[in-house]
Amino acid sequence: MDAYGEMASPEEFIDNLWRGYTEDLRRRSPFAHRIFMFMVRHGFGIIMRAFFTTMAILYFVFVFGIVIPFESLYKPRWIVIIGSAVAVYLYFNVVFYFIMASITGPGNPKKNPHGNAGCKVCLKSKPPGTHHCSMCGACIIKMDHHCVWINQCVGAGNHRYFFQLLVSLTTSMLLLLTLGYNTFYNNYTRNVFSYCAGGFDHLFWSEFICNDYGVWVANITQVLFFITVVIWFLMGGFCVWNCFIISYGTTYLECLTHFRTIFNSRPSFDQIKTNWQIFLGLSRGRSFWTHILLPSFHVCERYGEEPVTPDEEMLSVVVH
């Protein structure tokens, strides 16, 4: 409850909680406070990028060094060729969209000519749909949430990259589980049909990864099978959720405050189509085939750093 007896918004509650903790830490130990804030705003990003790079290399070795050669023993040649091509495409997309979501700013408001109330925390202009992130220490246009994996907020500037990262991860994990079934089963049990049982002596890396009689291959298969299932379920769930909020023209933070209003708005098909076109930036001659299915650097003009005007705000399905 605030000073006037009204319930604070989730944004204000989290911000007050965060500021209370950091201010207390600053008073107790200024040095510890500086270290903590550095880790929050920079250190976690270094750790997460190192983890992502390690996993990307591990999956590359596993898929192209073990799964594809092994599955060629069980599947028709044309399926292996098509599956390999799709795997390369999805792998590139995952890396591309992770990098773009990490390095592209989420969108910070400039001076708002429409006279909206300023942010109570950073005392800057705050256009409609803008929220203050305590971890980033800045206001974010159409802020969805703060993501530790990309070490910054998901907002107007990088939400499309983040969403396509989720889609690419979900699709790639599903492809691996579907086409890599024989690899997971035979190498998980380390039976006579496992990868290191023979048949791949012509591959130069086979001797290296099988020099422990297949223990490494069996272990990495077990670990990556578990991780793949977890990623598929989690990313798939996030994809479904993001499809919902994109269709309704809103964000996660807005749902926390106005979920009932948003859910009851029941947008029409044309409104949903418009929201997706705005979100994906399909304007100025851009098409789904060349700018969505293929990696693209474009950013939607309505999701740029310029504040949203009242006329543009009317395009939103939900009126707050």
C-alpha atoms as a PDB file:
ATOM      1  CA  MET A   1       0.000   0.000   0.000  1.00  0.00           C
ATOM      2  CA  ASP A   2       1.262   3.501  -0.753  1.00  0.00           C
ATOM      3  CA  ALA A   3       0.907   6.641   1.327  1.00  0.00           C
ATOM      4  CA  TYR A   4      -2.649   7.219   0.045  1.00  0.00           C
ATOM      5  CA  GLY A   5      -3.855   3.716   0.847  1.00  0.00           C
ATOM      6  CA  GLU A   6      -3.802   2.574  -2.787  1.00  0.00           C
ATOM      7  CA  MET A   7      -2.242  -0.667  -3.875  1.00  0.00           C
ATOM      8  CA  ALA A   8       1.163  -0.136  -5.458  1.00  0.00           C
ATOM      9  CA  SER A   9       1.674  -1.509  -8.961  1.00  0.00           C
ATOM     10  CA  PRO A  10       3.967  -4.548  -9.399  1.00  0.00           C
ATOM     11  CA  GLU A  11       6.527  -2.248 -10.999  1.00  0.00           C
ATOM     12  CA  GLU A  12       6.518   0.119  -8.005  1.00  0.00           C
ATOM     13  CA  PHE A  13       6.555  -2.755  -5.507  1.00  0.00           C
ATOM     14  CA  ILE A  14       9.598  -4.404  -7.133  1.00  0.00           C
ATOM     15  CA  ASP A  15      11.337  -1.054  -7.537  1.00  0.00           C
ATOM     16  CA  ASN A  16      10.781  -0.113  -3.878  1.00  0.00           C
ATOM     17  CA  LEU A  17      12.001  -3.529  -2.746  1.00  0.00           C
ATOM     18  CA  TRP A  18      15.113  -3.278  -4.918  1.00  0.00           C
ATOM     19  CA  ARG A  19      15.933   0.295  -3.896  1.00  0.00           C
ATOM     20  CA  GLY A  20      15.454  -0.571  -0.237  1.00  0.00           C
ATOM     21  CA  TYR A  21      17.937  -3.426  -0.458  1.00  0.00           C
ATOM     22  CA  THR A  22      20.557  -1.558  -2.493  1.00  0.00           C
ATOM     23  CA  GLU A  23      20.352   1.581  -0.349  1.00  0.00           C
ATOM     24  CA  ASP A  24      20.769  -0.507   2.785  1.00  0.00           C
ATOM     25  CA  LEU A  25      23.799  -2.220   1.236  1.00  0.00           C
ATOM     26  CA  ARG A  26      25.235   1.159   0.205  1.00  0.00           C
ATOM     27  CA  ARG A  27      24.984   2.453   3.785  1.00  0.00           C
ATOM     28  CA  ARG A  28      26.546  -0.679   5.255  1.00  0.00           C
ATOM     29  CA  SER A  29      29.373  -1.070   2.751  1.00  0.00           C
ATOM     30  CA  PRO A  30      29.872   1.263  -0.242  1.00  0.00           C
ATOM     31  CA  PHE A  31      32.551  -1.065  -1.644  1.00  0.00           C
ATOM     32  CA  ALA A  32      30.292  -4.131  -1.446  1.00  0.00           C
ATOM     33  CA  HIS A  33      27.531  -2.081  -3.087  1.00  0.00           C
ATOM     34  CA  ARG A  34      29.778  -1.187  -6.039  1.00  0.00           C
ATOM     35  CA  ILE A  35      30.815  -4.836  -6.469  1.00  0.00           C
ATOM     36  CA  PHE A  36      27.195  -5.998  -6.275  1.00  0.00           C
ATOM     37  CA  MET A  37      25.955  -3.471  -8.838  1.00  0.00           C
ATOM     38  CA  PHE A  38      28.835  -4.326 -11.184  1.00  0.00           C
ATOM     39  CA  MET A  39      27.915  -8.016 -11.001  1.00  0.00           C
ATOM     40  CA  VAL A  40      24.238  -7.265 -11.578  1.00  0.00           C
ATOM     41  CA  ARG A  41      24.784  -4.991 -14.578  1.00  0.00           C
ATOM     42  CA  HIS A  42      27.915  -6.540 -16.103  1.00  0.00           C
ATOM     43  CA  GLY A  43      29.117  -9.689 -14.323  1.00  0.00           C
ATOM     44  CA  PHE A  44      26.001 -11.790 -14.917  1.00  0.00           C
ATOM     45  CA  GLY A  45      26.132 -10.917 -18.593  1.00  0.00           C
ATOM     46  CA  ILE A  46      29.722 -12.148 -18.873  1.00  0.00           C
ATOM     47  CA  ILE A  47      28.830 -15.395 -17.097  1.00  0.00           C
ATOM     48  CA  MET A  48      25.689 -15.986 -19.179  1.00  0.00           C
ATOM     49  CA  ARG A  49      27.451 -15.272 -22.469  1.00  0.00           C
ATOM     50  CA  ALA A  50      30.244 -17.667 -21.505  1.00  0.00           C
ATOM     51  CA  PHE A  51      27.660 -20.320 -20.621  1.00  0.00           C
ATOM     52  CA  PHE A  52      25.761 -19.785 -23.881  1.00  0.00           C
ATOM     53  CA  THR A  53      28.979 -19.999 -25.917  1.00  0.00           C
ATOM     54  CA  THR A  54      29.967 -23.231 -24.165  1.00  0.00           C
ATOM     55  CA  MET A  55      26.535 -24.795 -24.760  1.00  0.00           C
ATOM     56  CA  ALA A  56      26.493 -23.641 -28.394  1.00  0.00           C
ATOM     57  CA  ILE A  57      29.860 -25.299 -29.049  1.00  0.00           C
ATOM     58  CA  LEU A  58      28.802 -28.449 -27.190  1.00  0.00           C
ATOM     59  CA  TYR A  59      25.563 -28.756 -29.165  1.00  0.00           C
ATOM     60  CA  PHE A  60      27.425 -28.126 -32.428  1.00  0.00           C
ATOM     61  CA  VAL A  61      29.853 -30.974 -31.700  1.00  0.00           C
ATOM     62  CA  PHE A  62      27.050 -33.254 -30.530  1.00  0.00           C
ATOM     63  CA  VAL A  63      24.659 -32.627 -33.429  1.00  0.00           C
ATOM     64  CA  PHE A  64      27.097 -32.514 -36.331  1.00  0.00           C
ATOM     65  CA  GLY A  65      29.700 -34.886 -34.926  1.00  0.00           C
ATOM     66  CA  ILE A  66      27.511 -37.566 -33.339  1.00  0.00           C
ATOM     67  CA  VAL A  67      23.784 -37.258 -34.094  1.00  0.00           C
ATOM     68  CA  ILE A  68      23.868 -36.708 -37.865  1.00  0.00           C
ATOM     69  CA  PRO A  69      26.454 -39.452 -38.607  1.00  0.00           C
ATOM     70  CA  PHE A  70      24.659 -41.896 -36.292  1.00  0.00           C
ATOM     71  CA  GLU A  71      21.174 -41.159 -37.652  1.00  0.00           C
ATOM     72  CA  SER A  72      22.453 -41.729 -41.204  1.00  0.00           C
ATOM     73  CA  LEU A  73      22.552 -45.436 -40.304  1.00  0.00           C
ATOM     74  CA  TYR A  74      18.802 -45.494 -39.604  1.00  0.00           C
ATOM     75  CA  LYS A  75      17.188 -42.868 -41.818  1.00  0.00           C
ATOM     76  CA  PRO A  76      16.936 -42.368 -45.595  1.00  0.00           C
ATOM     77  CA  ARG A  77      19.624 -40.199 -47.098  1.00  0.00           C
ATOM     78  CA  TRP A  78      17.184 -37.460 -48.134  1.00  0.00           C
ATOM     79  CA  ILE A  79      15.879 -37.092 -44.570  1.00  0.00           C
ATOM     80  CA  VAL A  80      19.430 -36.772 -43.237  1.00  0.00           C
ATOM     81  CA  ILE A  81      20.301 -34.129 -45.854  1.00  0.00           C
ATOM     82  CA  ILE A  82      17.162 -32.068 -45.224  1.00  0.00           C
ATOM     83  CA  GLY A  83      17.507 -32.460 -41.448  1.00  0.00           C
ATOM     84  CA  SER A  84      21.137 -31.336 -41.608  1.00  0.00           C
ATOM     85  CA  ALA A  85      20.228 -28.261 -43.674  1.00  0.00           C
ATOM     86  CA  VAL A  86      17.437 -27.300 -41.266  1.00  0.00           C
ATOM     87  CA  ALA A  87      19.794 -27.872 -38.309  1.00  0.00           C
ATOM     88  CA  VAL A  88      22.364 -25.480 -39.805  1.00  0.00           C
ATOM     89  CA  TYR A  89      19.632 -22.888 -40.444  1.00  0.00           C
ATOM     90  CA  LEU A  90      18.246 -23.130 -36.885  1.00  0.00           C
ATOM     91  CA  TYR A  91      21.712 -23.133 -35.305  1.00  0.00           C
ATOM     92  CA  PHE A  92      22.606 -19.928 -37.139  1.00  0.00           C
ATOM     93  CA  ASN A  93      19.285 -18.363 -36.122  1.00  0.00           C
ATOM     94  CA  VAL A  94      19.781 -19.191 -32.440  1.00  0.00           C
ATOM     95  CA  VAL A  95      23.262 -17.649 -32.400  1.00  0.00           C
ATOM     96  CA  PHE A  96      22.176 -14.623 -34.462  1.00  0.00           C
ATOM     97  CA  TYR A  97      19.115 -13.777 -32.364  1.00  0.00           C
ATOM     98  CA  PHE A  98      20.914 -14.329 -29.066  1.00  0.00           C
ATOM     99  CA  ILE A  99      23.620 -11.879 -30.108  1.00  0.00           C
ATOM    100  CA  MET A 100      21.112  -9.343 -31.436  1.00  0.00           C
ATOM    101  CA  ALA A 101      18.880  -9.566 -28.353  1.00  0.00           C
ATOM    102  CA  SER A 102      21.977  -9.066 -26.175  1.00  0.00           C
ATOM    103  CA  ILE A 103      23.584  -6.128 -27.981  1.00  0.00           C
ATOM    104  CA  THR A 104      20.483  -4.255 -29.191  1.00  0.00           C
ATOM    105  CA  GLY A 105      19.212  -1.693 -26.718  1.00  0.00           C
ATOM    106  CA  PRO A 106      15.673  -2.314 -25.449  1.00  0.00           C
ATOM    107  CA  GLY A 107      14.731   1.302 -26.137  1.00  0.00           C
ATOM    108  CA  ASN A 108      15.113   4.311 -23.840  1.00  0.00           C
ATOM    109  CA  PRO A 109      12.715   7.268 -24.021  1.00  0.00           C
ATOM    110  CA  LYS A 110      13.836  10.662 -25.224  1.00  0.00           C
ATOM    111  CA  LYS A 111      12.237  13.929 -24.213  1.00  0.00           C
ATOM    112  CA  ASN A 112       8.515  13.489 -24.622  1.00  0.00           C
ATOM    113  CA  PRO A 113       6.817  16.430 -26.381  1.00  0.00           C
ATOM    114  CA  HIS A 114       3.372  15.337 -25.151  1.00  0.00           C
ATOM    115  CA  GLY A 115       3.966  16.263 -21.532  1.00  0.00           C
ATOM    116  CA  ASN A 116       3.527  12.893 -19.864  1.00  0.00           C
ATOM    117  CA  ALA A 117       4.490  12.599 -16.211  1.00  0.00           C
ATOM    118  CA  GLY A 118       8.123  11.871 -15.579  1.00  0.00           C
ATOM    119  CA  CYS A 119       9.617   8.779 -13.975  1.00  0.00           C
ATOM    120  CA  LYS A 120       9.647   8.959 -10.169  1.00  0.00           C
ATOM    121  CA  VAL A 121      12.987   7.127 -10.043  1.00  0.00           C
ATOM    122  CA  CYS A 122      15.219   8.549 -12.774  1.00  0.00           C
ATOM    123  CA  LEU A 123      13.188  11.790 -13.106  1.00  0.00           C
ATOM    124  CA  LYS A 124      13.096  11.585 -16.901  1.00  0.00           C
ATOM    125  CA  SER A 125      10.163  11.736 -19.300  1.00  0.00           C
ATOM    126  CA  LYS A 126       8.046   8.596 -19.356  1.00  0.00           C
ATOM    127  CA  PRO A 127       5.985   8.030 -22.522  1.00  0.00           C
ATOM    128  CA  PRO A 128       2.956   5.684 -22.389  1.00  0.00           C
ATOM    129  CA  GLY A 129       3.916   2.033 -22.048  1.00  0.00           C
ATOM    130  CA  THR A 130       7.298   2.870 -20.509  1.00  0.00           C
ATOM    131  CA  HIS A 131       8.512   1.291 -17.265  1.00  0.00           C
ATOM    132  CA  HIS A 132      11.558   1.831 -15.074  1.00  0.00           C
ATOM    133  CA  CYS A 133      13.948  -1.113 -14.594  1.00  0.00           C
ATOM    134  CA  SER A 134      15.793  -0.969 -11.292  1.00  0.00           C
ATOM    135  CA  MET A 135      18.438  -3.476 -12.412  1.00  0.00           C
ATOM    136  CA  CYS A 136      19.281  -1.510 -15.565  1.00  0.00           C
ATOM    137  CA  GLY A 137      18.737   1.817 -13.817  1.00  0.00           C
ATOM    138  CA  ALA A 138      16.791   3.245 -16.758  1.00  0.00           C
ATOM    139  CA  CYS A 139      13.320   3.567 -18.233  1.00  0.00           C
ATOM    140  CA  ILE A 140      12.489   1.088 -21.009  1.00  0.00           C
ATOM    141  CA  ILE A 141       9.920   1.643 -23.760  1.00  0.00           C
ATOM    142  CA  LYS A 142       7.318  -1.162 -23.777  1.00  0.00           C
ATOM    143  CA  MET A 143       9.334  -3.082 -21.201  1.00  0.00           C
ATOM    144  CA  ASP A 144       8.405  -6.762 -21.012  1.00  0.00           C
ATOM    145  CA  HIS A 145      10.843  -8.038 -18.363  1.00  0.00           C
ATOM    146  CA  HIS A 146      14.506  -8.008 -17.347  1.00  0.00           C
ATOM    147  CA  CYS A 147      16.252 -11.097 -18.743  1.00  0.00           C
ATOM    148  CA  VAL A 148      19.435 -12.292 -17.016  1.00  0.00           C
ATOM    149  CA  TRP A 149      20.338 -14.430 -20.054  1.00  0.00           C
ATOM    150  CA  ILE A 150      20.862 -11.388 -22.263  1.00  0.00           C
ATOM    151  CA  ASN A 151      21.838  -9.200 -19.282  1.00  0.00           C
ATOM    152  CA  GLN A 152      19.367  -6.462 -20.100  1.00  0.00           C
ATOM    153  CA  CYS A 153      15.683  -5.760 -20.469  1.00  0.00           C
ATOM    154  CA  VAL A 154      13.439  -7.067 -23.198  1.00  0.00           C
ATOM    155  CA  GLY A 155      11.740  -3.983 -24.572  1.00  0.00           C
ATOM    156  CA  ALA A 156      10.638  -2.224 -27.735  1.00  0.00           C
ATOM    157  CA  GLY A 157      14.060  -2.333 -29.359  1.00  0.00           C
ATOM    158  CA  ASN A 158      14.911  -6.013 -28.920  1.00  0.00           C
ATOM    159  CA  HIS A 159      11.649  -7.853 -28.188  1.00  0.00           C
ATOM    160  CA  ARG A 160      11.409  -9.169 -31.760  1.00  0.00           C
ATOM    161  CA  TYR A 161      14.928 -10.587 -31.533  1.00  0.00           C
ATOM    162  CA  PHE A 162      14.116 -12.159 -28.179  1.00  0.00           C
ATOM    163  CA  PHE A 163      10.891 -13.718 -29.463  1.00  0.00           C
ATOM    164  CA  GLN A 164      12.576 -15.165 -32.541  1.00  0.00           C
ATOM    165  CA  LEU A 165      15.302 -16.553 -30.277  1.00  0.00           C
ATOM    166  CA  LEU A 166      12.596 -18.395 -28.318  1.00  0.00           C
ATOM    167  CA  VAL A 167      11.033 -19.729 -31.520  1.00  0.00           C
ATOM    168  CA  SER A 168      14.399 -20.851 -32.910  1.00  0.00           C
ATOM    169  CA  LEU A 169      15.344 -22.593 -29.657  1.00  0.00           C
ATOM    170  CA  THR A 170      11.984 -24.358 -29.372  1.00  0.00           C
ATOM    171  CA  THR A 171      12.056 -25.518 -32.995  1.00  0.00           C
ATOM    172  CA  SER A 172      15.676 -26.685 -32.850  1.00  0.00           C
ATOM    173  CA  MET A 173      15.106 -28.675 -29.654  1.00  0.00           C
ATOM    174  CA  LEU A 174      12.010 -30.313 -31.172  1.00  0.00           C
ATOM    175  CA  LEU A 175      13.975 -31.205 -34.312  1.00  0.00           C
ATOM    176  CA  LEU A 176      16.767 -32.732 -32.231  1.00  0.00           C
ATOM    177  CA  LEU A 177      14.358 -34.800 -30.127  1.00  0.00           C
ATOM    178  CA  THR A 178      12.496 -35.993 -33.221  1.00  0.00           C
ATOM    179  CA  LEU A 179      15.367 -36.810 -35.560  1.00  0.00           C
ATOM    180  CA  GLY A 180      17.848 -37.804 -32.848  1.00  0.00           C
ATOM    181  CA  TYR A 181      15.743 -40.482 -31.182  1.00  0.00           C
ATOM    182  CA  ASN A 182      18.027 -43.380 -32.187  1.00  0.00           C
ATOM    183  CA  THR A 183      21.088 -41.494 -30.994  1.00  0.00           C
ATOM    184  CA  PHE A 184      19.575 -40.782 -27.583  1.00  0.00           C
ATOM    185  CA  TYR A 185      18.282 -44.321 -27.091  1.00  0.00           C
ATOM    186  CA  ASN A 186      21.257 -46.385 -28.278  1.00  0.00           C
ATOM    187  CA  ASN A 187      23.964 -44.208 -26.743  1.00  0.00           C
ATOM    188  CA  TYR A 188      22.085 -43.625 -23.502  1.00  0.00           C
ATOM    189  CA  THR A 189      22.054 -47.381 -22.871  1.00  0.00           C
ATOM    190  CA  ARG A 190      25.563 -47.904 -24.331  1.00  0.00           C
ATOM    191  CA  ASN A 191      24.443 -51.062 -26.127  1.00  0.00           C
ATOM    192  CA  VAL A 192      26.135 -52.857 -29.019  1.00  0.00           C
ATOM    193  CA  PHE A 193      24.586 -50.367 -31.451  1.00  0.00           C
ATOM    194  CA  SER A 194      26.092 -47.281 -29.797  1.00  0.00           C
ATOM    195  CA  TYR A 195      28.191 -44.693 -31.613  1.00  0.00           C
ATOM    196  CA  CYS A 196      31.516 -46.037 -30.346  1.00  0.00           C
ATOM    197  CA  ALA A 197      30.669 -49.661 -31.140  1.00  0.00           C
ATOM    198  CA  GLY A 198      32.211 -49.150 -34.551  1.00  0.00           C
ATOM    199  CA  GLY A 199      31.360 -48.006 -38.039  1.00  0.00           C
ATOM    200  CA  PHE A 200      32.671 -44.445 -37.807  1.00  0.00           C
ATOM    201  CA  ASP A 201      36.409 -45.054 -37.998  1.00  0.00           C
ATOM    202  CA  HIS A 202      36.555 -42.911 -41.153  1.00  0.00           C
ATOM    203  CA  LEU A 203      35.605 -39.823 -39.126  1.00  0.00           C
ATOM    204  CA  PHE A 204      38.755 -38.158 -37.789  1.00  0.00           C
ATOM    205  CA  TRP A 205      37.109 -37.164 -34.493  1.00  0.00           C
ATOM    206  CA  SER A 206      35.743 -40.627 -33.774  1.00  0.00           C
ATOM    207  CA  GLU A 207      38.965 -41.925 -32.241  1.00  0.00           C
ATOM    208  CA  PHE A 208      39.231 -38.886 -29.981  1.00  0.00           C
ATOM    209  CA  ILE A 209      35.708 -39.011 -28.507  1.00  0.00           C
ATOM    210  CA  CYS A 210      35.691 -42.811 -28.233  1.00  0.00           C
ATOM    211  CA  ASN A 211      39.067 -43.281 -26.556  1.00  0.00           C
ATOM    212  CA  ASP A 212      37.313 -44.031 -23.246  1.00  0.00           C
ATOM    213  CA  TYR A 213      35.173 -46.828 -24.732  1.00  0.00           C
ATOM    214  CA  GLY A 214      32.171 -44.590 -25.226  1.00  0.00           C
ATOM    215  CA  VAL A 215      31.825 -43.266 -21.668  1.00  0.00           C
ATOM    216  CA  TRP A 216      32.050 -39.617 -22.761  1.00  0.00           C
ATOM    217  CA  VAL A 217      29.550 -40.100 -25.584  1.00  0.00           C
ATOM    218  CA  ALA A 218      27.101 -41.859 -23.239  1.00  0.00           C
ATOM    219  CA  ASN A 219      27.441 -39.166 -20.568  1.00  0.00           C
ATOM    220  CA  ILE A 220      27.087 -36.240 -22.944  1.00  0.00           C
ATOM    221  CA  THR A 221      24.071 -37.919 -24.542  1.00  0.00           C
ATOM    222  CA  GLN A 222      22.349 -38.292 -21.167  1.00  0.00           C
ATOM    223  CA  VAL A 223      23.089 -34.705 -20.124  1.00  0.00           C
ATOM    224  CA  LEU A 224      22.081 -33.108 -23.422  1.00  0.00           C
ATOM    225  CA  PHE A 225      18.932 -35.206 -23.709  1.00  0.00           C
ATOM    226  CA  PHE A 226      17.787 -33.900 -20.320  1.00  0.00           C
ATOM    227  CA  ILE A 227      18.755 -30.308 -21.174  1.00  0.00           C
ATOM    228  CA  THR A 228      17.055 -30.553 -24.566  1.00  0.00           C
ATOM    229  CA  VAL A 229      13.766 -31.715 -23.033  1.00  0.00           C
ATOM    230  CA  VAL A 230      13.888 -28.948 -20.401  1.00  0.00           C
ATOM    231  CA  ILE A 231      14.687 -26.241 -22.962  1.00  0.00           C
ATOM    232  CA  TRP A 232      11.922 -27.463 -25.259  1.00  0.00           C
ATOM    233  CA  PHE A 233       9.289 -27.336 -22.508  1.00  0.00           C
ATOM    234  CA  LEU A 234      10.406 -23.987 -21.069  1.00  0.00           C
ATOM    235  CA  MET A 235      11.013 -22.174 -24.347  1.00  0.00           C
ATOM    236  CA  GLY A 236       7.829 -23.648 -25.792  1.00  0.00           C
ATOM    237  CA  GLY A 237       5.860 -22.275 -22.851  1.00  0.00           C
ATOM    238  CA  PHE A 238       7.497 -18.860 -23.224  1.00  0.00           C
ATOM    239  CA  CYS A 239       6.680 -18.902 -26.949  1.00  0.00           C
ATOM    240  CA  VAL A 240       2.997 -19.551 -26.257  1.00  0.00           C
ATOM    241  CA  TRP A 241       2.923 -16.770 -23.653  1.00  0.00           C
ATOM    242  CA  ASN A 242       4.642 -14.299 -25.980  1.00  0.00           C
ATOM    243  CA  CYS A 243       2.220 -15.171 -28.773  1.00  0.00           C
ATOM    244  CA  PHE A 244      -0.601 -14.247 -26.393  1.00  0.00           C
ATOM    245  CA  ILE A 245       0.796 -10.873 -25.343  1.00  0.00           C
ATOM    246  CA  ILE A 246       1.835  -9.981 -28.905  1.00  0.00           C
ATOM    247  CA  SER A 247      -1.635 -10.828 -30.212  1.00  0.00           C
ATOM    248  CA  TYR A 248      -3.182  -8.610 -27.531  1.00  0.00           C
ATOM    249  CA  GLY A 249      -0.696  -5.806 -28.174  1.00  0.00           C
ATOM    250  CA  THR A 250       0.655  -5.726 -24.634  1.00  0.00           C
ATOM    251  CA  THR A 251       3.605  -6.799 -22.482  1.00  0.00           C
ATOM    252  CA  TYR A 252       4.211  -8.977 -19.446  1.00  0.00           C
ATOM    253  CA  LEU A 253       4.429  -5.985 -17.096  1.00  0.00           C
ATOM    254  CA  GLU A 254       1.176  -4.574 -18.433  1.00  0.00           C
ATOM    255  CA  CYS A 255      -0.463  -7.964 -17.863  1.00  0.00           C
ATOM    256  CA  LEU A 256       0.573  -7.881 -14.206  1.00  0.00           C
ATOM    257  CA  THR A 257      -1.439  -4.707 -13.727  1.00  0.00           C
ATOM    258  CA  HIS A 258      -4.248  -4.998 -16.271  1.00  0.00           C
ATOM    259  CA  PHE A 259      -4.606  -8.726 -16.949  1.00  0.00           C
ATOM    260  CA  ARG A 260      -8.382  -8.879 -16.508  1.00  0.00           C
ATOM    261  CA  THR A 261      -8.923  -5.884 -18.789  1.00  0.00           C
ATOM    262  CA  ILE A 262      -6.520  -7.296 -21.371  1.00  0.00           C
ATOM    263  CA  PHE A 263      -7.989 -10.797 -21.279  1.00  0.00           C
ATOM    264  CA  ASN A 264     -11.551  -9.508 -21.618  1.00  0.00           C
ATOM    265  CA  SER A 265     -10.724  -7.208 -24.545  1.00  0.00           C
ATOM    266  CA  ARG A 266     -11.147 -10.035 -27.097  1.00  0.00           C
ATOM    267  CA  PRO A 267      -9.308  -8.480 -30.058  1.00  0.00           C
ATOM    268  CA  SER A 268     -10.644  -9.154 -33.543  1.00  0.00           C
ATOM    269  CA  PHE A 269      -8.652 -10.988 -36.196  1.00  0.00           C
ATOM    270  CA  ASP A 270      -7.760  -7.690 -37.883  1.00  0.00           C
ATOM    271  CA  GLN A 271      -6.538  -6.246 -34.569  1.00  0.00           C
ATOM    272  CA  ILE A 272      -4.410  -9.331 -33.910  1.00  0.00           C
ATOM    273  CA  LYS A 273      -2.993  -9.143 -37.437  1.00  0.00           C
ATOM    274  CA  THR A 274      -2.157  -5.455 -36.963  1.00  0.00           C
ATOM    275  CA  ASN A 275      -0.443  -6.123 -33.626  1.00  0.00           C
ATOM    276  CA  TRP A 276       1.739  -8.824 -35.205  1.00  0.00           C
ATOM    277  CA  GLN A 277       2.634  -6.623 -38.168  1.00  0.00           C
ATOM    278  CA  ILE A 278       3.668  -3.827 -35.808  1.00  0.00           C
ATOM    279  CA  PHE A 279       5.638  -6.169 -33.560  1.00  0.00           C
ATOM    280  CA  LEU A 280       7.466  -7.881 -36.443  1.00  0.00           C
ATOM    281  CA  GLY A 281       8.102  -4.592 -38.245  1.00  0.00           C
ATOM    282  CA  LEU A 282       6.408  -5.717 -41.459  1.00  0.00           C
ATOM    283  CA  SER A 283       6.217  -2.286 -43.073  1.00  0.00           C
ATOM    284  CA  ARG A 284       8.133  -0.348 -45.746  1.00  0.00           C
ATOM    285  CA  GLY A 285       7.955  -3.289 -48.137  1.00  0.00           C
ATOM    286  CA  ARG A 286       9.272  -5.857 -45.667  1.00  0.00           C
ATOM    287  CA  SER A 287       7.860  -9.363 -45.971  1.00  0.00           C
ATOM    288  CA  PHE A 288       7.569 -12.359 -43.675  1.00  0.00           C
ATOM    289  CA  TRP A 289       9.639 -14.514 -46.046  1.00  0.00           C
ATOM    290  CA  THR A 290      12.640 -12.202 -46.364  1.00  0.00           C
ATOM    291  CA  HIS A 291      12.672 -10.396 -42.999  1.00  0.00           C
ATOM    292  CA  ILE A 292      11.341 -12.972 -40.524  1.00  0.00           C
ATOM    293  CA  LEU A 293      12.177 -16.415 -41.881  1.00  0.00           C
ATOM    294  CA  LEU A 294      15.598 -15.057 -42.825  1.00  0.00           C
ATOM    295  CA  PRO A 295      17.691 -13.273 -40.159  1.00  0.00           C
ATOM    296  CA  SER A 296      17.153  -9.523 -40.371  1.00  0.00           C
ATOM    297  CA  PHE A 297      18.530  -6.508 -38.509  1.00  0.00           C
ATOM    298  CA  HIS A 298      15.430  -4.354 -38.998  1.00  0.00           C
ATOM    299  CA  VAL A 299      13.628  -2.721 -36.084  1.00  0.00           C
ATOM    300  CA  CYS A 300       9.981  -1.692 -36.255  1.00  0.00           C
ATOM    301  CA  GLU A 301       9.628   2.087 -36.428  1.00  0.00           C
ATOM    302  CA  ARG A 302       6.794   2.088 -33.891  1.00  0.00           C
ATOM    303  CA  TYR A 303       9.053   0.156 -31.532  1.00  0.00           C
ATOM    304  CA  GLY A 304      12.006   2.520 -31.852  1.00  0.00           C
ATOM    305  CA  GLU A 305      13.367   4.930 -29.293  1.00  0.00           C
ATOM    306  CA  GLU A 306      10.950   7.729 -30.181  1.00  0.00           C
ATOM    307  CA  PRO A 307       8.071   8.095 -27.711  1.00  0.00           C
ATOM    308  CA  VAL A 308       4.698   6.696 -28.711  1.00  0.00           C
ATOM    309  CA  THR A 309       2.291   9.427 -29.802  1.00  0.00           C
ATOM    310  CA  PRO A 310      -1.367   9.469 -28.740  1.00  0.00           C
ATOM    311  CA  ASP A 311      -2.460   8.458 -32.263  1.00  0.00           C
ATOM    312  CA  GLU A 312      -0.091   5.495 -32.232  1.00  0.00           C
ATOM    313  CA  GLU A 313      -1.253   4.551 -28.770  1.00  0.00           C
ATOM    314  CA  MET A 314      -4.766   4.091 -30.175  1.00  0.00           C
ATOM    315  CA  LEU A 315      -3.430   1.212 -32.287  1.00  0.00           C
ATOM    316  CA  SER A 316      -3.041  -0.819 -29.115  1.00  0.00           C
ATOM    317  CA  VAL A 317      -5.801  -3.338 -28.556  1.00  0.00           C
ATOM    318  CA  VAL A 318      -5.914  -2.595 -24.852  1.00  0.00           C
ATOM    319  CA  VAL A 319      -6.783   0.876 -23.609  1.00  0.00           C
ATOM    320  CA  HIS A 320      -5.371   1.343 -20.117  1.00  0.00           C
END
